[in-house]
Amino acid sequence: MNETVNASRGMVTSPHHLASSAGLGVLEDGGNALEAAVAMAAVLAVVYPHMTSIGGDSFWLVCKPSGDVYSIDACGAAAQTASLDFYRARGHTSVPWRGPLAANTVAGTLSGWELALAAGKGSLPLSRLLRDAIWHAEDGVAVTPGGAEVAASKDDELRGILGYAEVFRPEGRPLAAGDRLRQPALAATLRHMVQHGLRDAYEGKLAARIAADLARTGSPVSGEDLRAHRAHLGAPLTAQVREAQLYNTPPPTQGASSLLILALFDRIEAAGADSFAHVHAIVEATKLAFRTARNSLLGDPDLMPRSPQGLLSDEAALDQMAAEIDPQSARPWPEAAEAGDTTWFGAVDSEGCVVSAIQSTYFEFGSGIVLPETGITWQNRGAGFRLEVDGWNALRPGRKPFHTLNPAIARFPDGKVMAYGTMGGEGQPQTQAAIFSRYARYGIALGDAVAAPRWLLGRTWGEESLTLKLEDRFDPSLYADLRAAGHDLELLAPYTSIMGHAGALVRRADGRLEGAGDPRSDGGVAAW
């Protein structure tokens, strides 16, 4: 479905209908957009465990009614004992992708919820915000076809990891579509935080249980690492294009890549949405953005050699980069790719606060570890660290890992504010560029901009090939033109989750709201 939903009092969107329902209920009960977003985040951590968990990280962009935009970085750092010697002593030349040694960073998601609620100054108690998530964890939720597909495809590598089988293979087999997933330990953890606060996961009795479980698995993350963690509120990255002022999250995310793609595309005239000129220009801008920023620059902000905002503000440099794009010929693309599974969700309230947020465990089910005492699935974001002495994303105790996550916001001259984003690893900046350019430059309705066929350079969701992938719904002439230009094409199913689960919300200056969910997901827009 590619419908654009309209409303005026409040609106949310997420990739699962139960999360959208939870967010809308909070708005109807007098909560603000940040409170609604936390309610959705909590439900997603229960009903979409293959994509997100309270054992992962999160990033937020918030546009206040005044128009001011701020970001929240809820990324956990590498454990203090997670050193090169730690891994080399265990015979590793790279960080394992699964198991306890992949669980080498603090999970920051809950600290992001805590900071978002403090900044939003809402009125609803945590018991209300976590109510639906607790219910779904305790009573159970039907496994989606997509979740079942992931569970089956990853079963061989996950079923032997501590805690995984007890929760996600309760009958000795992978969960199938329609099976009821119950998570009583996770429900108890959420109830505990209702009584003792979200910070208890880092400093209180809950933190002690988490640390003991992690130690039992062999993870290097300790209670001291949990106590040291804090989320941070700061300024976002920004870029001006002809249609709007764009915002995204700073490092360690790839937000600069998303902004750079659109800043380069802004310098190119490409007539017609989804034409060869449109798709080719964004694909070539993607190659430049990834080579210039994502694959060599972005990472822990304290260890970066160059300011990404400086790059985005350097008009002469952007002009020079855009001039490198050949309008008729594709550059070779040999670069390695990043994986990742994520949930994006957005909310807007009647006061005009707009939230764009994203949270993730990195790979499907993260490290695969499910902590027995708390029911928390722990992320493997730190598996992306390089076991090198120095350089891009090299492992260092206390260092933040590079993140593909990046929620987006755009402010238009006529007063509109747009929140948009998607899951999908390195596909996130590309899908953002497709949705924004369709809506803002070409005037495509929001629902059509999200649902229209998409493309992806590289891989996501475990795909290994580095081809330019397109959903097979474009005009066939586009495929011929792209091949003639030198693009290595691969056609995929018409609506495939490989292209991510996207969404978008728009608040107009007069208070009217528009929203769109993704037909590739299990969710959508909820409004009143």
Protein backbone atom coordinates (compact mmCIF):
# COMPACT_ATOMS: atom_id res chain seq x y z
CA MET A 1 0.00 0.00 0.00
CA ASN A 2 1.34 3.44 -0.92
CA GLU A 3 -1.27 5.61 0.73
CA THR A 4 -0.36 8.94 2.33
CA VAL A 5 -2.17 9.18 5.69
CA ASN A 6 -3.43 12.62 6.78
CA ALA A 7 -4.26 13.86 10.28
CA SER A 8 -3.91 16.92 12.50
CA ARG A 9 -3.56 15.94 16.18
CA GLY A 10 -0.70 13.44 16.19
CA MET A 11 0.94 10.77 14.09
CA VAL A 12 3.46 7.94 14.37
CA THR A 13 4.97 5.41 12.00
CA SER A 14 7.03 2.28 12.58
CA PRO A 15 7.78 -1.04 10.85
CA HIS A 16 5.42 -3.04 13.13
CA HIS A 17 1.73 -2.29 13.63
CA LEU A 18 1.84 -3.06 17.37
CA ALA A 19 4.56 -0.47 17.87
CA SER A 20 2.62 2.13 15.87
CA SER A 21 -0.47 1.35 17.95
CA ALA A 22 1.51 1.81 21.17
CA GLY A 23 2.85 5.18 20.03
CA LEU A 24 -0.57 6.44 19.00
CA GLY A 25 -2.03 5.36 22.34
CA VAL A 26 0.54 7.45 24.18
CA LEU A 27 -0.32 10.51 22.08
CA GLU A 28 -4.03 9.96 22.74
CA ASP A 29 -3.30 9.78 26.48
CA GLY A 30 -1.64 13.20 26.41
CA GLY A 31 1.95 12.16 25.81
CA ASN A 32 4.32 14.06 23.57
CA ALA A 33 6.21 12.84 20.52
CA LEU A 34 9.26 11.76 22.52
CA GLU A 35 7.13 9.73 24.90
CA ALA A 36 5.34 8.13 21.97
CA ALA A 37 8.69 7.30 20.38
CA VAL A 38 9.92 5.60 23.57
CA ALA A 39 6.74 3.51 23.70
CA MET A 40 7.30 2.44 20.09
CA ALA A 41 10.98 1.74 20.73
CA ALA A 42 10.07 -0.52 23.65
CA VAL A 43 7.48 -2.48 21.68
CA LEU A 44 9.84 -2.89 18.72
CA ALA A 45 12.45 -4.33 21.10
CA VAL A 46 9.90 -7.03 22.00
CA VAL A 47 8.11 -7.79 18.72
CA TYR A 48 11.05 -7.39 16.32
CA PRO A 49 13.89 -9.13 18.23
CA HIS A 50 15.66 -10.06 15.00
CA MET A 51 16.16 -6.34 14.32
CA THR A 52 16.35 -4.52 17.63
CA SER A 53 16.63 -4.96 21.38
CA ILE A 54 17.20 -3.01 24.57
CA GLY A 55 20.63 -4.62 24.29
CA GLY A 56 21.52 -2.45 21.29
CA ASP A 57 22.26 1.21 20.50
CA SER A 58 20.05 4.08 19.35
CA PHE A 59 20.25 7.55 17.80
CA TRP A 60 17.65 10.29 17.79
CA LEU A 61 16.93 13.55 15.97
CA VAL A 62 14.36 15.89 17.47
CA CYS A 63 12.94 19.05 15.91
CA LYS A 64 11.33 21.18 18.59
CA PRO A 65 8.24 23.33 17.82
CA SER A 66 10.62 26.31 17.64
CA GLY A 67 12.42 24.68 14.72
CA ASP A 68 15.60 23.96 16.68
CA VAL A 69 17.01 20.48 16.04
CA TYR A 70 19.11 18.39 18.41
CA SER A 71 20.53 14.88 18.33
CA ILE A 72 20.90 12.14 20.92
CA ASP A 73 23.83 9.74 20.74
CA ALA A 74 23.05 6.55 22.69
CA CYS A 75 25.99 4.52 21.42
CA GLY A 76 27.90 2.27 23.79
CA ALA A 77 31.69 2.13 23.75
CA ALA A 78 34.04 -0.81 23.68
CA ALA A 79 34.73 -2.47 27.03
CA GLN A 80 37.87 -1.43 28.86
CA THR A 81 39.25 -4.96 28.61
CA ALA A 82 38.41 -5.27 24.88
CA SER A 83 41.97 -4.71 23.69
CA LEU A 84 44.04 -6.12 20.86
CA ASP A 85 45.84 -8.32 23.36
CA PHE A 86 42.49 -9.64 24.64
CA TYR A 87 41.59 -10.94 21.17
CA ARG A 88 45.07 -12.00 20.10
CA ALA A 89 45.48 -14.04 23.27
CA ARG A 90 42.40 -15.97 22.20
CA GLY A 91 43.76 -16.60 18.72
CA HIS A 92 41.70 -14.03 16.80
CA THR A 93 42.86 -11.79 13.96
CA SER A 94 39.40 -10.25 13.65
CA VAL A 95 36.49 -9.77 16.04
CA PRO A 96 34.05 -12.71 15.79
CA TRP A 97 30.64 -11.80 14.39
CA ARG A 98 28.68 -13.91 16.90
CA GLY A 99 28.96 -15.06 20.49
CA PRO A 100 30.48 -13.49 23.63
CA LEU A 101 33.52 -11.92 21.96
CA ALA A 102 31.19 -10.11 19.55
CA ALA A 103 29.35 -8.64 22.56
CA ASN A 104 32.18 -6.24 23.33
CA THR A 105 30.37 -2.87 23.63
CA VAL A 106 27.92 -1.41 26.13
CA ALA A 107 24.29 -1.31 24.99
CA GLY A 108 23.23 2.33 24.88
CA THR A 109 19.57 2.14 23.84
CA LEU A 110 18.05 2.53 27.31
CA SER A 111 20.21 5.58 28.02
CA GLY A 112 18.82 7.12 24.83
CA TRP A 113 15.26 6.60 26.06
CA GLU A 114 16.22 8.14 29.40
CA LEU A 115 17.75 11.24 27.82
CA ALA A 116 14.91 11.64 25.31
CA LEU A 117 12.33 11.60 28.09
CA ALA A 118 14.32 14.07 30.19
CA ALA A 119 14.67 16.44 27.22
CA GLY A 120 11.00 16.11 26.28
CA LYS A 121 9.72 16.93 29.79
CA GLY A 122 6.60 14.86 29.30
CA SER A 123 3.89 14.03 31.81
CA LEU A 124 3.30 10.30 31.48
CA PRO A 125 4.91 7.81 33.86
CA LEU A 126 7.30 5.14 32.64
CA SER A 127 4.69 2.53 33.58
CA ARG A 128 2.42 3.92 30.86
CA LEU A 129 5.18 4.18 28.26
CA LEU A 130 6.34 0.58 28.76
CA ARG A 131 2.88 -0.87 29.31
CA ASP A 132 2.37 -2.32 25.84
CA ALA A 133 5.91 -3.67 25.58
CA ILE A 134 5.52 -5.48 28.90
CA TRP A 135 2.21 -6.96 27.79
CA HIS A 136 3.60 -8.26 24.50
CA ALA A 137 6.70 -9.71 26.17
CA GLU A 138 4.63 -11.47 28.83
CA ASP A 139 1.57 -12.56 26.88
CA GLY A 140 3.42 -13.25 23.66
CA VAL A 141 3.30 -11.96 20.13
CA ALA A 142 2.86 -13.70 16.79
CA VAL A 143 6.10 -14.10 14.87
CA THR A 144 6.01 -12.26 11.55
CA PRO A 145 6.87 -14.03 8.27
CA GLY A 146 9.97 -11.86 7.97
CA GLY A 147 11.07 -12.68 11.49
CA ALA A 148 10.52 -16.39 10.86
CA GLU A 149 12.54 -16.22 7.65
CA VAL A 150 15.46 -14.62 9.46
CA ALA A 151 15.26 -17.11 12.34
CA ALA A 152 15.37 -20.03 9.91
CA SER A 153 18.20 -18.67 7.78
CA LYS A 154 20.41 -17.82 10.78
CA ASP A 155 19.58 -20.88 12.88
CA ASP A 156 22.80 -22.78 12.27
CA GLU A 157 24.98 -19.93 13.50
CA LEU A 158 22.78 -18.90 16.45
CA ARG A 159 21.24 -21.97 18.06
CA GLY A 160 24.35 -22.92 20.03
CA ILE A 161 24.91 -19.47 21.55
CA LEU A 162 24.09 -18.98 25.24
CA GLY A 163 20.44 -18.21 25.90
CA TYR A 164 19.33 -18.06 22.28
CA ALA A 165 17.62 -21.43 21.96
CA GLU A 166 15.68 -21.09 25.22
CA VAL A 167 13.89 -17.98 23.90
CA PHE A 168 13.87 -18.33 20.12
CA ARG A 169 13.81 -22.16 19.74
CA PRO A 170 11.45 -23.12 22.60
CA GLU A 171 10.22 -26.24 20.78
CA GLY A 172 13.62 -27.31 19.51
CA ARG A 173 13.23 -25.61 16.12
CA PRO A 174 13.33 -22.04 14.78
CA LEU A 175 10.20 -20.03 15.41
CA ALA A 176 7.81 -20.17 12.45
CA ALA A 177 5.42 -17.51 11.19
CA GLY A 178 2.43 -17.30 13.50
CA ASP A 179 4.18 -18.99 16.45
CA ARG A 180 3.74 -17.17 19.73
CA LEU A 181 6.98 -15.66 21.03
CA ARG A 182 6.93 -15.20 24.81
CA GLN A 183 9.74 -13.42 26.67
CA PRO A 184 8.94 -13.51 30.41
CA ALA A 185 12.46 -12.60 31.51
CA LEU A 186 12.41 -9.52 29.28
CA ALA A 187 8.97 -8.59 30.66
CA ALA A 188 10.38 -8.80 34.19
CA THR A 189 13.30 -6.58 33.18
CA LEU A 190 10.94 -3.94 31.79
CA ARG A 191 8.82 -4.12 34.95
CA HIS A 192 11.94 -3.67 37.05
CA MET A 193 12.78 -0.47 35.18
CA VAL A 194 9.26 0.84 35.71
CA GLN A 195 9.94 0.59 39.45
CA HIS A 196 13.59 1.63 39.53
CA GLY A 197 14.12 3.76 36.42
CA LEU A 198 16.00 3.26 33.17
CA ARG A 199 19.34 4.19 34.74
CA ASP A 200 19.13 1.06 36.88
CA ALA A 201 20.28 -0.88 33.81
CA TYR A 202 23.65 0.87 34.15
CA GLU A 203 24.09 1.45 37.88
CA GLY A 204 21.56 -0.51 39.93
CA LYS A 205 20.49 -4.06 40.70
CA LEU A 206 19.58 -4.64 37.06
CA ALA A 207 23.07 -3.57 36.01
CA ALA A 208 24.55 -6.09 38.43
CA ARG A 209 22.45 -8.87 36.88
CA ILE A 210 23.44 -7.80 33.37
CA ALA A 211 27.13 -7.67 34.29
CA ALA A 212 26.98 -11.10 35.93
CA ASP A 213 25.29 -12.59 32.87
CA LEU A 214 27.82 -11.02 30.52
CA ALA A 215 30.71 -12.32 32.62
CA ARG A 216 29.14 -15.80 32.57
CA THR A 217 29.10 -15.74 28.76
CA GLY A 218 32.71 -14.61 28.46
CA SER A 219 31.89 -11.10 27.18
CA PRO A 220 34.47 -8.44 28.09
CA VAL A 221 31.75 -5.90 29.07
CA SER A 222 31.79 -5.32 32.84
CA GLY A 223 29.75 -3.56 35.48
CA GLU A 224 32.33 -0.78 35.43
CA ASP A 225 31.73 -0.30 31.69
CA LEU A 226 27.98 -0.07 32.31
CA ARG A 227 28.41 2.50 35.10
CA ALA A 228 30.63 4.70 32.92
CA HIS A 229 28.13 4.90 30.06
CA ARG A 230 26.09 8.03 29.30
CA ALA A 231 24.01 9.13 26.32
CA HIS A 232 24.82 12.57 24.92
CA LEU A 233 22.66 15.39 23.59
CA GLY A 234 24.27 17.63 20.99
CA ALA A 235 24.08 19.45 17.70
CA PRO A 236 23.23 17.50 14.53
CA LEU A 237 25.08 17.60 11.23
CA THR A 238 23.39 19.79 8.64
CA ALA A 239 23.51 20.56 4.92
CA GLN A 240 21.61 23.06 2.81
CA VAL A 241 20.08 21.91 -0.48
CA ARG A 242 17.77 23.81 -2.80
CA GLU A 243 14.60 22.35 -1.28
CA ALA A 244 15.36 22.26 2.44
CA GLN A 245 17.80 22.38 5.32
CA LEU A 246 18.79 18.78 6.01
CA TYR A 247 19.77 17.28 9.37
CA ASN A 248 21.32 13.99 10.36
CA THR A 249 23.23 12.47 13.25
CA PRO A 250 26.94 13.10 13.78
CA PRO A 251 29.62 10.40 14.06
CA PRO A 252 29.93 7.61 14.99
CA THR A 253 26.96 7.27 12.59
CA GLN A 254 27.09 7.49 8.80
CA GLY A 255 24.80 10.54 8.88
CA ALA A 256 27.43 12.55 7.02
CA SER A 257 27.20 10.09 4.12
CA SER A 258 23.44 10.61 3.84
CA LEU A 259 23.84 14.37 3.81
CA LEU A 260 26.78 14.25 1.39
CA ILE A 261 24.82 12.18 -1.15
CA LEU A 262 22.00 14.74 -1.20
CA ALA A 263 24.42 17.70 -1.21
CA LEU A 264 26.11 16.27 -4.32
CA PHE A 265 22.79 15.42 -5.99
CA ASP A 266 21.70 19.01 -5.32
CA ARG A 267 24.39 20.14 -7.78
CA ILE A 268 23.12 17.91 -10.58
CA GLU A 269 20.17 18.54 -12.87
CA ALA A 270 18.30 15.28 -13.30
CA ALA A 271 14.92 15.51 -14.99
CA GLY A 272 12.22 13.06 -13.98
CA ALA A 273 11.75 10.96 -10.86
CA ASP A 274 13.22 7.45 -11.23
CA SER A 275 14.64 8.32 -14.63
CA PHE A 276 18.12 7.20 -15.64
CA ALA A 277 19.45 10.67 -14.79
CA HIS A 278 17.91 10.55 -11.30
CA VAL A 279 18.99 7.02 -10.33
CA HIS A 280 22.43 7.21 -11.96
CA ALA A 281 23.24 10.55 -10.29
CA ILE A 282 22.35 9.32 -6.81
CA VAL A 283 24.21 6.03 -7.28
CA GLU A 284 27.34 7.90 -8.40
CA ALA A 285 26.96 10.39 -5.52
CA THR A 286 26.71 7.40 -3.19
CA LYS A 287 30.02 6.03 -4.44
CA LEU A 288 31.75 9.36 -3.82
CA ALA A 289 30.16 9.81 -0.39
CA PHE A 290 31.15 6.32 0.72
CA ARG A 291 34.71 6.66 -0.53
CA THR A 292 35.18 10.17 0.86
CA ALA A 293 33.50 9.82 4.22
CA ARG A 294 31.95 6.55 5.27
CA ASN A 295 34.68 4.06 4.44
CA SER A 296 37.61 6.05 5.79
CA LEU A 297 36.56 9.02 7.93
CA LEU A 298 33.50 8.32 10.06
CA GLY A 299 33.76 6.68 13.46
CA ASP A 300 34.37 7.73 17.04
CA PRO A 301 34.17 11.56 16.92
CA ASP A 302 37.08 11.90 19.35
CA LEU A 303 39.40 10.04 16.98
CA MET A 304 38.46 11.47 13.58
CA PRO A 305 41.06 13.32 11.48
CA ARG A 306 38.55 15.71 9.90
CA SER A 307 35.26 17.37 10.84
CA PRO A 308 32.40 15.99 8.74
CA GLN A 309 30.50 19.25 9.21
CA GLY A 310 33.47 21.05 7.72
CA LEU A 311 33.22 18.85 4.65
CA LEU A 312 29.47 19.43 4.35
CA SER A 313 29.94 23.20 4.63
CA ASP A 314 32.78 23.43 2.09
CA GLU A 315 30.90 24.59 -1.02
CA ALA A 316 33.99 24.55 -3.24
CA ALA A 317 34.85 20.99 -2.24
CA LEU A 318 31.28 19.86 -2.84
CA ASP A 319 31.27 21.53 -6.25
CA GLN A 320 34.50 19.77 -7.15
CA MET A 321 33.19 16.38 -6.02
CA ALA A 322 29.93 16.80 -7.94
CA ALA A 323 31.91 17.69 -11.06
CA GLU A 324 33.57 14.25 -10.87
CA ILE A 325 30.23 12.57 -11.58
CA ASP A 326 29.99 11.55 -15.22
CA PRO A 327 26.32 11.92 -16.26
CA GLN A 328 26.58 8.98 -18.67
CA SER A 329 29.13 6.58 -17.20
CA ALA A 330 29.40 4.58 -13.96
CA ARG A 331 32.51 4.52 -11.81
CA PRO A 332 33.81 1.06 -10.86
CA TRP A 333 32.59 -0.08 -7.48
CA PRO A 334 34.93 -2.52 -5.70
CA GLU A 335 34.27 -1.31 -2.16
CA ALA A 336 33.40 -3.64 0.72
CA ALA A 337 29.97 -3.31 2.27
CA GLU A 338 28.41 -3.11 5.70
CA ALA A 339 25.56 -5.22 7.01
CA GLY A 340 23.00 -4.33 9.63
CA ASP A 341 19.45 -4.79 10.85
CA THR A 342 17.61 -1.88 12.35
CA THR A 343 14.27 -0.26 13.10
CA TRP A 344 13.43 3.37 12.23
CA PHE A 345 10.39 5.04 13.76
CA GLY A 346 8.99 8.56 13.86
CA ALA A 347 6.47 10.61 15.80
CA VAL A 348 4.92 14.08 15.71
CA ASP A 349 2.63 15.61 18.31
CA SER A 350 0.04 18.38 18.32
CA GLU A 351 2.57 20.91 19.62
CA GLY A 352 4.77 20.41 16.56
CA CYS A 353 7.59 18.33 18.06
CA VAL A 354 8.94 15.93 15.41
CA VAL A 355 11.05 12.86 16.27
CA SER A 356 13.15 10.71 13.93
CA ALA A 357 14.75 7.77 15.75
CA ILE A 358 16.52 4.51 15.03
CA GLN A 359 17.77 1.59 17.13
CA SER A 360 19.55 -1.63 16.30
CA THR A 361 21.49 -4.70 17.39
CA TYR A 362 23.56 -4.62 14.14
CA PHE A 363 23.25 -8.20 12.76
CA GLU A 364 20.08 -10.25 12.98
CA PHE A 365 19.68 -11.02 16.72
CA GLY A 366 22.96 -9.16 17.34
CA SER A 367 25.63 -11.32 18.95
CA GLY A 368 23.04 -14.07 19.41
CA ILE A 369 23.51 -13.95 23.18
CA VAL A 370 20.28 -13.74 25.19
CA LEU A 371 21.16 -12.98 28.82
CA PRO A 372 19.36 -15.65 30.88
CA GLU A 373 18.54 -13.50 33.92
CA THR A 374 17.21 -10.48 32.03
CA GLY A 375 16.09 -11.77 28.63
CA ILE A 376 18.16 -9.12 26.84
CA THR A 377 19.52 -9.90 23.37
CA TRP A 378 22.97 -8.26 23.24
CA GLN A 379 24.23 -6.45 20.16
CA ASN A 380 27.34 -7.22 18.11
CA ARG A 381 28.00 -3.67 16.91
CA GLY A 382 31.59 -3.92 18.10
CA ALA A 383 32.19 -6.86 15.77
CA GLY A 384 32.82 -4.23 13.12
CA PHE A 385 35.97 -3.03 14.88
CA ARG A 386 39.24 -3.75 13.09
CA LEU A 387 41.90 -5.53 15.14
CA GLU A 388 44.56 -3.00 14.18
CA VAL A 389 46.80 -0.71 16.21
CA ASP A 390 45.44 2.42 14.56
CA GLY A 391 43.33 3.73 11.71
CA TRP A 392 39.66 3.78 10.82
CA ASN A 393 37.43 1.93 13.31
CA ALA A 394 40.41 0.20 14.91
CA LEU A 395 39.54 -1.43 18.23
CA ARG A 396 40.49 0.55 21.29
CA PRO A 397 39.02 0.27 24.81
CA GLY A 398 36.43 2.98 25.31
CA ARG A 399 36.12 3.67 21.59
CA LYS A 400 32.71 4.01 19.94
CA PRO A 401 32.18 1.76 16.90
CA PHE A 402 31.15 3.05 13.49
CA HIS A 403 27.37 2.89 13.02
CA THR A 404 25.31 2.59 9.85
CA LEU A 405 22.37 4.04 11.81
CA ASN A 406 21.24 7.55 10.87
CA PRO A 407 17.77 9.07 11.29
CA ALA A 408 16.99 12.15 9.18
CA ILE A 409 15.00 15.38 9.40
CA ALA A 410 14.44 18.13 6.81
CA ARG A 411 13.11 21.66 7.38
CA PHE A 412 11.54 23.39 4.38
CA PRO A 413 11.29 27.17 3.75
CA ASP A 414 7.48 27.01 3.87
CA GLY A 415 7.57 25.66 7.44
CA LYS A 416 7.20 21.95 6.71
CA VAL A 417 9.26 19.53 8.80
CA MET A 418 9.93 16.02 7.49
CA ALA A 419 11.20 13.06 9.52
CA TYR A 420 12.34 10.05 7.52
CA GLY A 421 14.56 7.00 7.74
CA THR A 422 14.92 3.28 7.21
CA MET A 423 16.71 0.14 8.29
CA GLY A 424 19.14 -1.55 5.96
CA GLY A 425 22.84 -1.07 6.69
CA GLU A 426 24.58 0.85 3.93
CA GLY A 427 21.25 1.04 2.11
CA GLN A 428 20.05 3.64 4.62
CA PRO A 429 21.64 6.71 2.97
CA GLN A 430 20.52 5.51 -0.46
CA THR A 431 16.90 4.99 0.56
CA GLN A 432 16.90 8.35 2.32
CA ALA A 433 18.12 9.98 -0.89
CA ALA A 434 15.43 8.22 -2.94
CA ILE A 435 12.58 9.20 -0.60
CA PHE A 436 13.71 12.79 -0.07
CA SER A 437 14.45 13.51 -3.74
CA ARG A 438 11.15 12.03 -4.89
CA TYR A 439 9.15 14.04 -2.37
CA ALA A 440 11.09 17.30 -2.30
CA ARG A 441 12.46 17.73 -5.82
CA TYR A 442 9.96 15.86 -7.93
CA GLY A 443 6.76 16.46 -5.95
CA ILE A 444 5.86 12.79 -5.49
CA ALA A 445 3.25 12.13 -2.78
CA LEU A 446 4.80 10.91 0.47
CA GLY A 447 3.23 7.44 0.32
CA ASP A 448 4.35 6.95 -3.27
CA ALA A 449 7.85 8.23 -2.46
CA VAL A 450 8.26 5.51 0.20
CA ALA A 451 6.55 2.66 -1.66
CA ALA A 452 8.05 3.26 -5.12
CA PRO A 453 10.72 0.80 -6.32
CA ARG A 454 14.14 1.31 -4.79
CA TRP A 455 17.76 0.58 -5.57
CA LEU A 456 20.75 -0.41 -3.48
CA LEU A 457 24.45 -0.27 -4.30
CA GLY A 458 26.20 -2.99 -2.32
CA ARG A 459 24.70 -5.43 0.13
CA THR A 460 22.40 -5.56 3.13
CA TRP A 461 20.53 -8.23 5.09
CA GLY A 462 23.37 -10.70 4.59
CA GLU A 463 23.66 -10.27 0.81
CA GLU A 464 27.27 -10.70 -0.31
CA SER A 465 27.24 -9.23 -3.82
CA LEU A 466 28.27 -5.62 -4.47
CA THR A 467 26.01 -5.16 -7.49
CA LEU A 468 23.57 -2.33 -8.07
CA LYS A 469 20.34 -4.01 -7.02
CA LEU A 470 16.94 -2.77 -8.19
CA GLU A 471 13.44 -3.93 -7.38
CA ASP A 472 11.88 -5.20 -10.59
CA ARG A 473 9.16 -2.53 -10.82
CA PHE A 474 10.99 0.24 -12.67
CA ASP A 475 10.42 1.03 -16.32
CA PRO A 476 12.40 -1.68 -18.19
CA SER A 477 14.19 1.01 -20.21
CA LEU A 478 15.93 2.11 -17.01
CA TYR A 479 17.68 -1.26 -16.72
CA ALA A 480 18.98 -1.05 -20.27
CA ASP A 481 20.22 2.52 -19.77
CA LEU A 482 21.98 1.66 -16.49
CA ARG A 483 23.69 -1.36 -18.01
CA ALA A 484 24.80 0.70 -20.99
CA ALA A 485 26.37 3.19 -18.57
CA GLY A 486 28.43 0.41 -16.99
CA HIS A 487 26.41 -0.45 -13.89
CA ASP A 488 26.51 -4.10 -12.79
CA LEU A 489 22.78 -4.73 -12.29
CA GLU A 490 20.91 -7.35 -10.28
CA LEU A 491 17.10 -7.40 -10.32
CA LEU A 492 15.27 -8.39 -7.14
CA ALA A 493 11.68 -9.15 -6.18
CA PRO A 494 9.24 -6.24 -6.62
CA TYR A 495 8.82 -5.63 -2.87
CA THR A 496 11.81 -6.98 -0.95
CA SER A 497 12.94 -6.37 2.61
CA ILE A 498 16.49 -6.19 1.27
CA MET A 499 15.57 -2.60 0.42
CA GLY A 500 14.76 -1.85 4.06
CA HIS A 501 11.70 -0.83 5.99
CA ALA A 502 11.32 2.91 5.53
CA GLY A 503 8.88 5.53 6.74
CA ALA A 504 8.28 9.27 6.71
CA LEU A 505 6.24 11.94 8.50
CA VAL A 506 5.62 15.54 7.45
CA ARG A 507 4.22 18.34 9.60
CA ARG A 508 3.03 21.37 7.67
CA ALA A 509 3.17 24.90 9.03
CA ASP A 510 -0.60 24.93 9.55
CA GLY A 511 -0.42 21.78 11.69
CA ARG A 512 -1.59 19.29 9.07
CA LEU A 513 0.22 15.96 9.23
CA GLU A 514 1.15 13.47 6.52
CA GLY A 515 2.62 10.04 7.05
CA ALA A 516 3.72 6.97 5.12
CA GLY A 517 4.75 3.47 6.12
CA ASP A 518 6.50 0.89 4.01
CA PRO A 519 4.59 -1.93 2.28
CA ARG A 520 7.76 -4.01 2.71
CA SER A 521 7.31 -3.97 6.50
CA ASP A 522 4.76 -5.23 9.04
CA GLY A 523 3.80 -1.76 10.23
CA GLY A 524 2.54 1.57 9.06
CA VAL A 525 1.13 4.92 10.13
CA ALA A 526 -1.18 5.45 13.09
CA ALA A 527 -2.81 8.86 13.51
CA TRP A 528 -5.62 10.82 15.12
